[in-house]
Amino acid sequence: MHDRYADDWYHTVAFTQKTTLGLPSGGEIVQTWHESARLPGHLRIDTDLASKAGVLYARDSIFNFNDGKLTRAGAGANELLVLGFDVYTQSPAKTEAVLRGLGFDLGTFHEGTWDGTPVYVVGAMRGDTVSKQFWIDKNRLLFVRMLENGPQGHTDVRFSGYERAGGGWIATDVTQMVNGKRRIHEQYSNVRTNVELPDALFDPKHWAAEARARPQ
């Protein structure tokens, strides 16, 4: 994956996201989120510009904000950021170390199909949909699916609607299923690559100021 795209993949990306959240009652709410990423390892998600709420992933740390104030901070990584973006812009050794730390068994592997397309499946043997695993489009070497059992239950994340972006690709349609029901549906628009993103955008100390500066 890295060798195919390393010379051309974008290093920054920003987009607007229509987010449909499934509710326990069976209903849905729709929100507009704004995302910015500097690769590898930095992702900012403004979930509510008015209240300056959101989450910041900065390398191996996660920061949550509400009303412009830090509400929680801890160690951790965003698996989807690593598999869908970082893998193309950092060394394979670094990606392997991060994925092992996230609980993927990189020594277990098989081939299959997904939506009629050949895929590589890493982390599980054929027929195993329980072990933590990720699926890669064999032809384009793009991340398309992740399965795992977690606190919420069985989670199935799907990346689709891939479009060319800069010298790489971006999945413009992302779905998270939990126990067979759609929990989150993300639809991306206004995708911009290799844009200038200030350092302060990814600095938790400047979260509130940068939230005010984001476009409505």
N, C-alpha and C. Protein backbone atom coordinates (compact mmCIF):
# COMPACT_ATOMS: atom_id res chain seq x y z
N MET A 1 0.84 -1.20 0.00
CA MET A 1 0.00 0.00 0.00
C MET A 1 0.87 1.25 0.00
N HIS A 2 1.86 1.25 0.88
CA HIS A 2 2.74 2.40 0.96
C HIS A 2 3.52 2.60 -0.33
N ASP A 3 4.11 1.52 -0.84
CA ASP A 3 4.96 1.65 -2.02
C ASP A 3 4.18 2.07 -3.26
N ARG A 4 2.92 1.68 -3.35
CA ARG A 4 2.12 2.03 -4.52
C ARG A 4 1.89 3.54 -4.60
N TYR A 5 1.67 4.19 -3.46
CA TYR A 5 1.21 5.58 -3.49
C TYR A 5 2.11 6.60 -2.77
N ALA A 6 3.16 6.15 -2.13
CA ALA A 6 3.93 7.05 -1.26
C ALA A 6 4.39 8.33 -1.95
N ASP A 7 4.76 8.24 -3.22
CA ASP A 7 5.30 9.41 -3.92
C ASP A 7 4.23 10.43 -4.31
N ASP A 8 2.97 10.03 -4.30
CA ASP A 8 1.91 10.89 -4.83
C ASP A 8 0.80 11.23 -3.84
N TRP A 9 0.66 10.46 -2.77
CA TRP A 9 -0.48 10.63 -1.87
C TRP A 9 -0.44 12.01 -1.21
N TYR A 10 -1.59 12.61 -1.03
CA TYR A 10 -1.68 13.93 -0.39
C TYR A 10 -1.25 13.84 1.08
N HIS A 11 -0.80 14.97 1.60
CA HIS A 11 -0.37 15.02 3.00
C HIS A 11 -1.32 15.85 3.88
N THR A 12 -2.20 16.60 3.25
CA THR A 12 -3.27 17.25 4.00
C THR A 12 -4.58 17.07 3.23
N VAL A 13 -5.68 17.05 3.97
CA VAL A 13 -6.99 16.95 3.34
C VAL A 13 -8.02 17.58 4.28
N ALA A 14 -9.02 18.21 3.70
CA ALA A 14 -10.11 18.81 4.47
C ALA A 14 -11.40 18.59 3.70
N PHE A 15 -12.50 18.39 4.42
CA PHE A 15 -13.78 18.16 3.76
C PHE A 15 -14.93 18.41 4.72
N THR A 16 -16.11 18.56 4.12
CA THR A 16 -17.35 18.69 4.89
C THR A 16 -18.02 17.32 4.92
N GLN A 17 -18.62 17.00 6.04
CA GLN A 17 -19.18 15.67 6.22
C GLN A 17 -20.64 15.74 6.68
N LYS A 18 -21.53 15.14 5.90
CA LYS A 18 -22.90 14.94 6.34
C LYS A 18 -22.93 13.66 7.16
N THR A 19 -23.30 13.77 8.43
CA THR A 19 -23.24 12.63 9.35
C THR A 19 -24.64 12.27 9.81
N THR A 20 -25.05 11.06 9.50
CA THR A 20 -26.36 10.55 9.94
C THR A 20 -26.12 9.57 11.07
N LEU A 21 -26.67 9.88 12.24
CA LEU A 21 -26.47 9.07 13.44
C LEU A 21 -27.73 8.29 13.76
N GLY A 22 -27.61 6.97 13.87
CA GLY A 22 -28.74 6.15 14.26
C GLY A 22 -28.96 6.21 15.76
N LEU A 23 -30.20 6.36 16.19
CA LEU A 23 -30.53 6.45 17.60
C LEU A 23 -31.06 5.12 18.13
N PRO A 24 -30.88 4.84 19.42
CA PRO A 24 -31.41 3.60 19.99
C PRO A 24 -32.91 3.45 19.77
N SER A 25 -33.62 4.56 19.65
CA SER A 25 -35.07 4.53 19.45
C SER A 25 -35.45 4.07 18.04
N GLY A 26 -34.46 4.04 17.16
CA GLY A 26 -34.72 3.69 15.77
C GLY A 26 -34.74 4.89 14.85
N GLY A 27 -34.77 6.09 15.40
CA GLY A 27 -34.76 7.30 14.60
C GLY A 27 -33.34 7.69 14.21
N GLU A 28 -33.21 8.82 13.55
CA GLU A 28 -31.91 9.30 13.11
C GLU A 28 -31.83 10.81 13.29
N ILE A 29 -30.62 11.29 13.47
CA ILE A 29 -30.36 12.72 13.43
C ILE A 29 -29.25 12.97 12.42
N VAL A 30 -29.31 14.12 11.77
CA VAL A 30 -28.32 14.46 10.75
C VAL A 30 -27.56 15.70 11.20
N GLN A 31 -26.25 15.63 11.13
CA GLN A 31 -25.39 16.74 11.52
C GLN A 31 -24.38 17.03 10.42
N THR A 32 -23.79 18.23 10.47
CA THR A 32 -22.71 18.58 9.56
C THR A 32 -21.42 18.68 10.36
N TRP A 33 -20.45 17.88 10.01
CA TRP A 33 -19.15 17.91 10.65
C TRP A 33 -18.12 18.46 9.67
N HIS A 34 -17.02 18.99 10.21
CA HIS A 34 -15.92 19.49 9.39
C HIS A 34 -14.64 18.76 9.83
N GLU A 35 -13.96 18.14 8.87
CA GLU A 35 -12.77 17.37 9.18
C GLU A 35 -11.55 17.92 8.46
N SER A 36 -10.42 17.87 9.16
CA SER A 36 -9.14 18.28 8.59
C SER A 36 -8.09 17.28 9.06
N ALA A 37 -7.21 16.88 8.16
CA ALA A 37 -6.17 15.92 8.52
C ALA A 37 -4.83 16.36 7.98
N ARG A 38 -3.81 16.16 8.78
CA ARG A 38 -2.43 16.30 8.34
C ARG A 38 -1.78 14.93 8.56
N LEU A 39 -1.32 14.35 7.48
CA LEU A 39 -0.84 12.97 7.52
C LEU A 39 0.69 12.93 7.60
N PRO A 40 1.16 11.95 8.41
CA PRO A 40 0.39 10.98 9.18
C PRO A 40 0.06 11.47 10.59
N GLY A 41 -1.02 10.94 11.13
CA GLY A 41 -1.26 11.01 12.56
C GLY A 41 -2.08 12.14 13.13
N HIS A 42 -2.56 13.07 12.32
CA HIS A 42 -3.31 14.20 12.87
C HIS A 42 -4.67 14.32 12.18
N LEU A 43 -5.72 14.33 12.99
CA LEU A 43 -7.07 14.47 12.48
C LEU A 43 -7.89 15.30 13.44
N ARG A 44 -8.54 16.33 12.90
CA ARG A 44 -9.43 17.17 13.69
C ARG A 44 -10.85 17.04 13.14
N ILE A 45 -11.80 16.76 14.05
CA ILE A 45 -13.21 16.64 13.67
C ILE A 45 -14.01 17.65 14.49
N ASP A 46 -14.50 18.69 13.82
CA ASP A 46 -15.38 19.66 14.48
C ASP A 46 -16.81 19.18 14.29
N THR A 47 -17.40 18.64 15.35
CA THR A 47 -18.75 18.08 15.25
C THR A 47 -19.83 19.14 15.42
N ASP A 48 -19.47 20.27 16.03
CA ASP A 48 -20.44 21.37 16.21
C ASP A 48 -19.65 22.66 16.33
N LEU A 49 -19.64 23.45 15.25
CA LEU A 49 -18.87 24.68 15.26
C LEU A 49 -19.44 25.70 16.24
N ALA A 50 -20.76 25.72 16.38
CA ALA A 50 -21.38 26.70 17.28
C ALA A 50 -20.95 26.49 18.73
N SER A 51 -20.92 25.24 19.16
CA SER A 51 -20.53 24.96 20.55
C SER A 51 -19.06 24.59 20.68
N LYS A 52 -18.33 24.65 19.56
CA LYS A 52 -16.90 24.34 19.54
C LYS A 52 -16.63 22.95 20.13
N ALA A 53 -17.43 21.98 19.69
CA ALA A 53 -17.29 20.61 20.16
C ALA A 53 -16.60 19.76 19.10
N GLY A 54 -15.93 18.71 19.54
CA GLY A 54 -15.30 17.82 18.59
C GLY A 54 -14.22 16.98 19.23
N VAL A 55 -13.40 16.39 18.37
CA VAL A 55 -12.33 15.50 18.83
C VAL A 55 -11.09 15.74 17.99
N LEU A 56 -9.94 15.62 18.63
CA LEU A 56 -8.66 15.81 17.98
C LEU A 56 -7.79 14.59 18.22
N TYR A 57 -7.31 14.01 17.13
CA TYR A 57 -6.35 12.91 17.19
C TYR A 57 -4.99 13.48 16.82
N ALA A 58 -4.04 13.37 17.71
CA ALA A 58 -2.71 13.90 17.47
C ALA A 58 -1.70 12.82 17.83
N ARG A 59 -1.24 12.13 16.77
CA ARG A 59 -0.31 11.01 16.94
C ARG A 59 -0.92 9.95 17.85
N ASP A 60 -0.40 9.80 19.06
CA ASP A 60 -0.87 8.72 19.93
C ASP A 60 -1.78 9.23 21.05
N SER A 61 -2.41 10.39 20.85
CA SER A 61 -3.28 10.97 21.88
C SER A 61 -4.62 11.37 21.29
N ILE A 62 -5.65 11.34 22.13
CA ILE A 62 -7.00 11.72 21.72
C ILE A 62 -7.51 12.78 22.70
N PHE A 63 -8.05 13.88 22.15
CA PHE A 63 -8.56 14.98 22.97
C PHE A 63 -10.02 15.24 22.58
N ASN A 64 -10.91 15.26 23.57
CA ASN A 64 -12.32 15.56 23.34
C ASN A 64 -12.66 16.93 23.89
N PHE A 65 -13.51 17.67 23.14
CA PHE A 65 -13.85 19.04 23.52
C PHE A 65 -15.35 19.25 23.48
N ASN A 66 -15.81 20.13 24.39
CA ASN A 66 -17.20 20.61 24.36
C ASN A 66 -17.21 22.03 24.91
N ASP A 67 -18.02 22.90 24.31
CA ASP A 67 -18.04 24.31 24.69
C ASP A 67 -16.64 24.92 24.64
N GLY A 68 -15.83 24.42 23.70
CA GLY A 68 -14.49 24.95 23.54
C GLY A 68 -13.50 24.52 24.60
N LYS A 69 -13.93 23.63 25.52
CA LYS A 69 -13.06 23.22 26.62
C LYS A 69 -12.73 21.74 26.51
N LEU A 70 -11.52 21.40 26.92
CA LEU A 70 -11.08 20.01 26.93
C LEU A 70 -11.86 19.24 28.00
N THR A 71 -12.53 18.18 27.58
CA THR A 71 -13.31 17.37 28.53
C THR A 71 -12.66 16.03 28.83
N ARG A 72 -11.80 15.56 27.93
CA ARG A 72 -11.12 14.29 28.15
C ARG A 72 -9.90 14.20 27.28
N ALA A 73 -8.84 13.60 27.82
CA ALA A 73 -7.61 13.39 27.05
C ALA A 73 -7.03 12.05 27.45
N GLY A 74 -6.47 11.35 26.49
CA GLY A 74 -5.88 10.06 26.79
C GLY A 74 -5.08 9.54 25.62
N ALA A 75 -4.43 8.42 25.84
CA ALA A 75 -3.65 7.79 24.79
C ALA A 75 -4.57 7.01 23.87
N GLY A 76 -4.18 6.91 22.61
CA GLY A 76 -4.97 6.14 21.67
C GLY A 76 -4.73 6.59 20.24
N ALA A 77 -5.19 5.78 19.30
CA ALA A 77 -5.05 6.09 17.88
C ALA A 77 -6.37 5.82 17.18
N ASN A 78 -6.57 6.47 16.06
CA ASN A 78 -7.76 6.27 15.24
C ASN A 78 -7.44 5.22 14.18
N GLU A 79 -8.03 4.03 14.33
CA GLU A 79 -7.73 2.93 13.42
C GLU A 79 -8.03 3.28 11.97
N LEU A 80 -9.13 3.98 11.76
CA LEU A 80 -9.53 4.31 10.39
C LEU A 80 -8.58 5.34 9.77
N LEU A 81 -8.05 6.23 10.57
CA LEU A 81 -7.06 7.18 10.08
C LEU A 81 -5.80 6.43 9.63
N VAL A 82 -5.40 5.45 10.41
CA VAL A 82 -4.20 4.68 10.08
C VAL A 82 -4.40 3.89 8.79
N LEU A 83 -5.52 3.17 8.70
CA LEU A 83 -5.75 2.27 7.57
C LEU A 83 -6.16 2.98 6.29
N GLY A 84 -6.89 4.08 6.43
CA GLY A 84 -7.39 4.76 5.24
C GLY A 84 -6.50 5.88 4.74
N PHE A 85 -5.55 6.34 5.59
CA PHE A 85 -4.78 7.53 5.23
C PHE A 85 -3.29 7.41 5.60
N ASP A 86 -2.99 7.17 6.87
CA ASP A 86 -1.60 7.21 7.33
C ASP A 86 -0.71 6.19 6.64
N VAL A 87 -1.26 5.03 6.34
CA VAL A 87 -0.47 3.94 5.76
C VAL A 87 0.27 4.38 4.50
N TYR A 88 -0.27 5.36 3.79
CA TYR A 88 0.33 5.80 2.53
C TYR A 88 1.41 6.85 2.72
N THR A 89 1.53 7.40 3.91
CA THR A 89 2.44 8.54 4.11
C THR A 89 3.46 8.32 5.21
N GLN A 90 3.46 7.16 5.85
CA GLN A 90 4.47 6.87 6.86
C GLN A 90 5.12 5.52 6.54
N SER A 91 6.21 5.21 7.18
CA SER A 91 6.94 3.99 6.86
C SER A 91 6.10 2.75 7.18
N PRO A 92 6.24 1.68 6.39
CA PRO A 92 5.52 0.45 6.70
C PRO A 92 5.81 -0.07 8.11
N ALA A 93 7.04 0.10 8.58
CA ALA A 93 7.39 -0.36 9.92
C ALA A 93 6.57 0.37 10.97
N LYS A 94 6.37 1.67 10.78
CA LYS A 94 5.57 2.44 11.73
C LYS A 94 4.12 1.99 11.70
N THR A 95 3.57 1.79 10.50
CA THR A 95 2.18 1.34 10.38
C THR A 95 2.01 -0.02 11.03
N GLU A 96 2.93 -0.93 10.79
CA GLU A 96 2.84 -2.26 11.39
C GLU A 96 2.85 -2.17 12.91
N ALA A 97 3.72 -1.34 13.45
CA ALA A 97 3.80 -1.22 14.90
C ALA A 97 2.50 -0.68 15.48
N VAL A 98 1.93 0.32 14.82
CA VAL A 98 0.68 0.91 15.30
C VAL A 98 -0.45 -0.12 15.24
N LEU A 99 -0.55 -0.84 14.12
CA LEU A 99 -1.64 -1.80 13.96
C LEU A 99 -1.51 -2.96 14.94
N ARG A 100 -0.30 -3.42 15.18
CA ARG A 100 -0.13 -4.46 16.20
C ARG A 100 -0.57 -3.96 17.56
N GLY A 101 -0.21 -2.71 17.87
CA GLY A 101 -0.61 -2.13 19.13
C GLY A 101 -2.11 -1.98 19.27
N LEU A 102 -2.80 -1.86 18.15
CA LEU A 102 -4.26 -1.74 18.15
C LEU A 102 -4.96 -3.10 18.18
N GLY A 103 -4.17 -4.17 18.18
CA GLY A 103 -4.75 -5.49 18.35
C GLY A 103 -4.95 -6.32 17.10
N PHE A 104 -4.39 -5.89 15.98
CA PHE A 104 -4.49 -6.69 14.75
C PHE A 104 -3.39 -7.74 14.71
N ASP A 105 -3.76 -8.96 14.33
CA ASP A 105 -2.79 -10.04 14.13
C ASP A 105 -2.33 -9.98 12.68
N LEU A 106 -1.19 -9.35 12.43
CA LEU A 106 -0.72 -9.15 11.07
C LEU A 106 -0.16 -10.42 10.45
N GLY A 107 0.01 -11.46 11.25
CA GLY A 107 0.52 -12.72 10.73
C GLY A 107 -0.56 -13.64 10.20
N THR A 108 -1.82 -13.26 10.36
CA THR A 108 -2.95 -14.07 9.88
C THR A 108 -3.57 -13.37 8.68
N PHE A 109 -3.76 -14.14 7.60
CA PHE A 109 -4.07 -13.49 6.33
C PHE A 109 -4.78 -14.48 5.40
N HIS A 110 -5.73 -13.97 4.62
CA HIS A 110 -6.31 -14.77 3.55
C HIS A 110 -6.86 -13.84 2.47
N GLU A 111 -7.26 -14.41 1.36
CA GLU A 111 -7.85 -13.64 0.27
C GLU A 111 -9.32 -13.99 0.14
N GLY A 112 -10.12 -13.00 -0.28
CA GLY A 112 -11.55 -13.21 -0.47
C GLY A 112 -12.10 -12.20 -1.46
N THR A 113 -13.41 -11.94 -1.38
CA THR A 113 -14.04 -10.93 -2.22
C THR A 113 -14.96 -10.07 -1.38
N TRP A 114 -15.13 -8.84 -1.83
CA TRP A 114 -16.04 -7.90 -1.16
C TRP A 114 -16.70 -7.06 -2.24
N ASP A 115 -18.02 -7.10 -2.29
CA ASP A 115 -18.76 -6.40 -3.35
C ASP A 115 -18.24 -6.78 -4.73
N GLY A 116 -17.92 -8.05 -4.90
CA GLY A 116 -17.47 -8.55 -6.19
C GLY A 116 -16.03 -8.23 -6.53
N THR A 117 -15.29 -7.64 -5.58
CA THR A 117 -13.91 -7.24 -5.82
C THR A 117 -12.96 -8.10 -4.98
N PRO A 118 -11.85 -8.58 -5.54
CA PRO A 118 -10.88 -9.34 -4.75
C PRO A 118 -10.29 -8.49 -3.64
N VAL A 119 -10.15 -9.09 -2.46
CA VAL A 119 -9.60 -8.37 -1.31
C VAL A 119 -8.58 -9.24 -0.58
N TYR A 120 -7.67 -8.57 0.11
CA TYR A 120 -6.81 -9.19 1.10
C TYR A 120 -7.46 -8.96 2.46
N VAL A 121 -7.51 -10.00 3.28
CA VAL A 121 -8.06 -9.88 4.64
C VAL A 121 -6.93 -10.17 5.62
N VAL A 122 -6.64 -9.20 6.48
CA VAL A 122 -5.54 -9.32 7.44
C VAL A 122 -6.11 -9.36 8.85
N GLY A 123 -5.74 -10.41 9.60
CA GLY A 123 -6.16 -10.51 10.98
C GLY A 123 -7.09 -11.67 11.27
N ALA A 124 -7.49 -12.42 10.24
CA ALA A 124 -8.45 -13.51 10.44
C ALA A 124 -8.27 -14.57 9.37
N MET A 125 -8.63 -15.79 9.72
CA MET A 125 -8.66 -16.88 8.76
C MET A 125 -9.98 -16.83 8.01
N ARG A 126 -10.05 -17.54 6.89
CA ARG A 126 -11.27 -17.58 6.09
C ARG A 126 -12.46 -18.06 6.93
N GLY A 127 -13.57 -17.36 6.83
CA GLY A 127 -14.76 -17.72 7.57
C GLY A 127 -14.87 -17.09 8.95
N ASP A 128 -13.79 -16.47 9.42
CA ASP A 128 -13.77 -15.83 10.74
C ASP A 128 -14.18 -14.37 10.59
N THR A 129 -15.34 -14.02 11.12
CA THR A 129 -15.79 -12.63 11.09
C THR A 129 -15.82 -12.02 12.49
N VAL A 130 -15.19 -12.71 13.43
CA VAL A 130 -15.18 -12.26 14.82
C VAL A 130 -13.86 -11.58 15.19
N SER A 131 -12.75 -12.17 14.74
CA SER A 131 -11.44 -11.59 15.07
C SER A 131 -11.29 -10.20 14.46
N LYS A 132 -10.52 -9.37 15.11
CA LYS A 132 -10.27 -8.02 14.61
C LYS A 132 -9.49 -8.09 13.31
N GLN A 133 -10.00 -7.45 12.25
CA GLN A 133 -9.42 -7.63 10.92
C GLN A 133 -9.70 -6.43 10.03
N PHE A 134 -8.86 -6.27 8.99
CA PHE A 134 -9.13 -5.23 8.00
C PHE A 134 -9.00 -5.82 6.61
N TRP A 135 -9.77 -5.25 5.68
CA TRP A 135 -9.86 -5.75 4.31
C TRP A 135 -9.32 -4.68 3.36
N ILE A 136 -8.53 -5.13 2.37
CA ILE A 136 -7.89 -4.23 1.43
C ILE A 136 -8.24 -4.64 0.00
N ASP A 137 -8.74 -3.69 -0.79
CA ASP A 137 -8.99 -3.92 -2.20
C ASP A 137 -7.68 -4.38 -2.87
N LYS A 138 -7.69 -5.57 -3.43
CA LYS A 138 -6.47 -6.18 -3.97
C LYS A 138 -5.92 -5.40 -5.16
N ASN A 139 -6.78 -4.85 -5.98
CA ASN A 139 -6.33 -4.17 -7.20
C ASN A 139 -5.81 -2.77 -6.93
N ARG A 140 -6.56 -1.99 -6.15
CA ARG A 140 -6.16 -0.60 -5.91
C ARG A 140 -5.40 -0.42 -4.62
N LEU A 141 -5.36 -1.47 -3.79
CA LEU A 141 -4.69 -1.42 -2.49
C LEU A 141 -5.26 -0.30 -1.62
N LEU A 142 -6.59 -0.29 -1.52
CA LEU A 142 -7.30 0.69 -0.70
C LEU A 142 -8.08 -0.04 0.39
N PHE A 143 -8.12 0.55 1.57
CA PHE A 143 -8.85 -0.01 2.70
C PHE A 143 -10.36 0.05 2.44
N VAL A 144 -11.07 -1.08 2.64
CA VAL A 144 -12.50 -1.10 2.36
C VAL A 144 -13.36 -1.57 3.53
N ARG A 145 -12.76 -2.26 4.52
CA ARG A 145 -13.62 -2.79 5.58
C ARG A 145 -12.80 -3.14 6.82
N MET A 146 -13.43 -2.98 8.00
CA MET A 146 -12.83 -3.41 9.25
C MET A 146 -13.91 -4.06 10.11
N LEU A 147 -13.58 -5.20 10.70
CA LEU A 147 -14.49 -5.91 11.59
C LEU A 147 -13.83 -6.09 12.94
N GLU A 148 -14.63 -5.97 14.00
CA GLU A 148 -14.12 -6.25 15.34
C GLU A 148 -15.28 -6.40 16.32
N ASN A 149 -15.03 -7.10 17.40
CA ASN A 149 -15.97 -7.17 18.50
C ASN A 149 -15.48 -6.24 19.60
N GLY A 150 -16.32 -5.30 20.02
CA GLY A 150 -15.93 -4.34 21.03
C GLY A 150 -17.01 -4.16 22.07
N PRO A 151 -16.89 -3.13 22.89
CA PRO A 151 -17.87 -2.89 23.96
C PRO A 151 -19.29 -2.72 23.44
N GLN A 152 -19.45 -2.16 22.22
CA GLN A 152 -20.79 -1.96 21.67
C GLN A 152 -21.37 -3.24 21.07
N GLY A 153 -20.48 -4.20 20.77
CA GLY A 153 -20.91 -5.41 20.08
C GLY A 153 -20.07 -5.61 18.83
N HIS A 154 -20.64 -6.27 17.84
CA HIS A 154 -19.91 -6.53 16.59
C HIS A 154 -19.98 -5.30 15.69
N THR A 155 -18.82 -4.74 15.38
CA THR A 155 -18.73 -3.52 14.58
C THR A 155 -18.19 -3.84 13.20
N ASP A 156 -18.82 -3.26 12.19
CA ASP A 156 -18.46 -3.47 10.79
C ASP A 156 -18.39 -2.10 10.14
N VAL A 157 -17.17 -1.65 9.81
CA VAL A 157 -16.97 -0.33 9.20
C VAL A 157 -16.62 -0.53 7.74
N ARG A 158 -17.28 0.24 6.87
CA ARG A 158 -17.10 0.07 5.43
C ARG A 158 -16.74 1.40 4.77
N PHE A 159 -15.66 1.39 4.00
CA PHE A 159 -15.24 2.55 3.21
C PHE A 159 -15.62 2.29 1.76
N SER A 160 -16.39 3.19 1.16
CA SER A 160 -16.81 3.02 -0.23
C SER A 160 -16.90 4.39 -0.91
N GLY A 161 -17.35 4.38 -2.17
CA GLY A 161 -17.46 5.64 -2.92
C GLY A 161 -16.11 6.30 -3.12
N TYR A 162 -15.08 5.51 -3.35
CA TYR A 162 -13.75 6.07 -3.53
C TYR A 162 -13.69 6.98 -4.75
N GLU A 163 -13.06 8.14 -4.55
CA GLU A 163 -12.83 9.09 -5.64
C GLU A 163 -11.37 9.52 -5.60
N ARG A 164 -10.85 9.87 -6.75
CA ARG A 164 -9.50 10.39 -6.83
C ARG A 164 -9.41 11.71 -6.06
N ALA A 165 -8.31 11.86 -5.31
CA ALA A 165 -8.09 13.08 -4.54
C ALA A 165 -6.59 13.35 -4.55
N GLY A 166 -6.19 14.45 -5.15
CA GLY A 166 -4.77 14.72 -5.28
C GLY A 166 -4.13 13.57 -6.02
N GLY A 167 -3.03 13.05 -5.51
CA GLY A 167 -2.40 11.89 -6.11
C GLY A 167 -2.85 10.58 -5.51
N GLY A 168 -3.87 10.64 -4.63
CA GLY A 168 -4.36 9.45 -3.98
C GLY A 168 -5.85 9.26 -4.17
N TRP A 169 -6.49 8.71 -3.15
CA TRP A 169 -7.92 8.44 -3.18
C TRP A 169 -8.53 8.84 -1.84
N ILE A 170 -9.86 9.01 -1.84
CA ILE A 170 -10.58 9.19 -0.58
C ILE A 170 -11.93 8.50 -0.70
N ALA A 171 -12.30 7.77 0.34
CA ALA A 171 -13.61 7.14 0.40
C ALA A 171 -14.62 8.20 0.82
N THR A 172 -15.57 8.51 -0.03
CA THR A 172 -16.52 9.59 0.26
C THR A 172 -17.78 9.10 0.96
N ASP A 173 -17.85 7.79 1.21
CA ASP A 173 -19.01 7.21 1.87
C ASP A 173 -18.52 6.19 2.90
N VAL A 174 -18.76 6.45 4.17
CA VAL A 174 -18.28 5.58 5.24
C VAL A 174 -19.48 5.19 6.11
N THR A 175 -19.60 3.89 6.36
CA THR A 175 -20.72 3.38 7.15
C THR A 175 -20.20 2.54 8.30
N GLN A 176 -20.75 2.76 9.49
CA GLN A 176 -20.45 1.92 10.65
C GLN A 176 -21.71 1.17 11.04
N MET A 177 -21.61 -0.16 11.01
CA MET A 177 -22.70 -1.02 11.44
C MET A 177 -22.35 -1.60 12.81
N VAL A 178 -23.31 -1.64 13.72
CA VAL A 178 -23.10 -2.25 15.03
C VAL A 178 -24.20 -3.28 15.24
N ASN A 179 -23.80 -4.52 15.41
CA ASN A 179 -24.75 -5.62 15.58
C ASN A 179 -25.78 -5.66 14.44
N GLY A 180 -25.30 -5.37 13.23
CA GLY A 180 -26.15 -5.45 12.05
C GLY A 180 -26.99 -4.24 11.76
N LYS A 181 -26.93 -3.22 12.61
CA LYS A 181 -27.72 -2.01 12.40
C LYS A 181 -26.80 -0.83 12.12
N ARG A 182 -27.22 0.04 11.20
CA ARG A 182 -26.40 1.20 10.87
C ARG A 182 -26.37 2.19 12.02
N ARG A 183 -25.16 2.48 12.53
CA ARG A 183 -25.00 3.41 13.63
C ARG A 183 -24.58 4.80 13.13
N ILE A 184 -23.66 4.83 12.15
CA ILE A 184 -23.18 6.10 11.61
C ILE A 184 -23.03 5.97 10.10
N HIS A 185 -23.47 7.01 9.39
CA HIS A 185 -23.26 7.08 7.95
C HIS A 185 -22.65 8.44 7.64
N GLU A 186 -21.48 8.42 7.03
CA GLU A 186 -20.75 9.65 6.72
C GLU A 186 -20.67 9.83 5.20
N GLN A 187 -21.00 11.02 4.74
CA GLN A 187 -20.93 11.34 3.31
C GLN A 187 -20.10 12.62 3.15
N TYR A 188 -18.99 12.53 2.42
CA TYR A 188 -18.04 13.62 2.31
C TYR A 188 -18.30 14.46 1.06
N SER A 189 -18.09 15.75 1.20
CA SER A 189 -18.20 16.67 0.08
C SER A 189 -17.16 17.78 0.25
N ASN A 190 -16.98 18.57 -0.80
CA ASN A 190 -16.02 19.68 -0.77
C ASN A 190 -14.65 19.21 -0.31
N VAL A 191 -14.18 18.11 -0.90
CA VAL A 191 -12.89 17.53 -0.53
C VAL A 191 -11.76 18.38 -1.14
N ARG A 192 -10.82 18.79 -0.29
CA ARG A 192 -9.67 19.57 -0.73
C ARG A 192 -8.40 18.91 -0.24
N THR A 193 -7.44 18.69 -1.14
CA THR A 193 -6.20 18.03 -0.75
C THR A 193 -5.02 18.98 -0.88
N ASN A 194 -3.97 18.65 -0.12
CA ASN A 194 -2.73 19.44 -0.10
C ASN A 194 -3.01 20.92 0.13
N VAL A 195 -3.95 21.19 1.03
CA VAL A 195 -4.26 22.56 1.43
C VAL A 195 -3.40 22.94 2.63
N GLU A 196 -3.18 24.23 2.79
CA GLU A 196 -2.38 24.70 3.92
C GLU A 196 -3.22 24.64 5.19
N LEU A 197 -2.73 23.92 6.17
CA LEU A 197 -3.42 23.79 7.46
C LEU A 197 -2.46 24.24 8.56
N PRO A 198 -2.83 25.24 9.33
CA PRO A 198 -1.92 25.77 10.35
C PRO A 198 -1.66 24.76 11.47
N ASP A 199 -0.48 24.85 12.07
CA ASP A 199 -0.13 23.97 13.17
C ASP A 199 -1.16 24.06 14.31
N ALA A 200 -1.67 25.27 14.55
CA ALA A 200 -2.60 25.47 15.66
C ALA A 200 -3.88 24.65 15.52
N LEU A 201 -4.22 24.29 14.30
CA LEU A 201 -5.44 23.51 14.06
C LEU A 201 -5.38 22.17 14.78
N PHE A 202 -4.17 21.64 14.97
CA PHE A 202 -3.99 20.32 15.59
C PHE A 202 -3.36 20.42 16.98
N ASP A 203 -3.40 21.61 17.56
CA ASP A 203 -2.86 21.84 18.90
C ASP A 203 -4.03 21.97 19.88
N PRO A 204 -4.15 21.07 20.84
CA PRO A 204 -5.30 21.15 21.76
C PRO A 204 -5.40 22.47 22.51
N LYS A 205 -4.28 23.14 22.70
CA LYS A 205 -4.31 24.42 23.41
C LYS A 205 -5.03 25.50 22.61
N HIS A 206 -5.14 25.32 21.30
CA HIS A 206 -5.76 26.32 20.44
C HIS A 206 -7.10 25.85 19.86
N TRP A 207 -7.69 24.83 20.46
CA TRP A 207 -8.92 24.26 19.91
C TRP A 207 -10.02 25.31 19.72
N ALA A 208 -10.34 26.06 20.76
CA ALA A 208 -11.46 26.99 20.71
C ALA A 208 -11.24 28.09 19.67
N ALA A 209 -10.03 28.64 19.64
CA ALA A 209 -9.73 29.70 18.68
C ALA A 209 -9.85 29.21 17.27
N GLU A 210 -9.37 28.00 16.99
CA GLU A 210 -9.44 27.46 15.64
C GLU A 210 -10.86 27.08 15.26
N ALA A 211 -11.66 26.66 16.23
CA ALA A 211 -13.07 26.34 15.96
C ALA A 211 -13.81 27.58 15.49
N ARG A 212 -13.51 28.71 16.08
CA ARG A 212 -14.17 29.96 15.68
C ARG A 212 -13.77 30.34 14.26
N ALA A 213 -12.57 29.94 13.85
CA ALA A 213 -12.07 30.32 12.53
C ALA A 213 -12.55 29.40 11.42
N ARG A 214 -13.16 28.25 11.77
CA ARG A 214 -13.58 27.31 10.74
C ARG A 214 -14.76 27.86 9.95
N PRO A 215 -14.86 27.57 8.65
CA PRO A 215 -15.98 28.07 7.84
C PRO A 215 -17.29 27.41 8.23
N GLN A 216 -18.36 28.19 8.27
CA GLN A 216 -19.68 27.66 8.59
C GLN A 216 -20.28 27.00 7.36
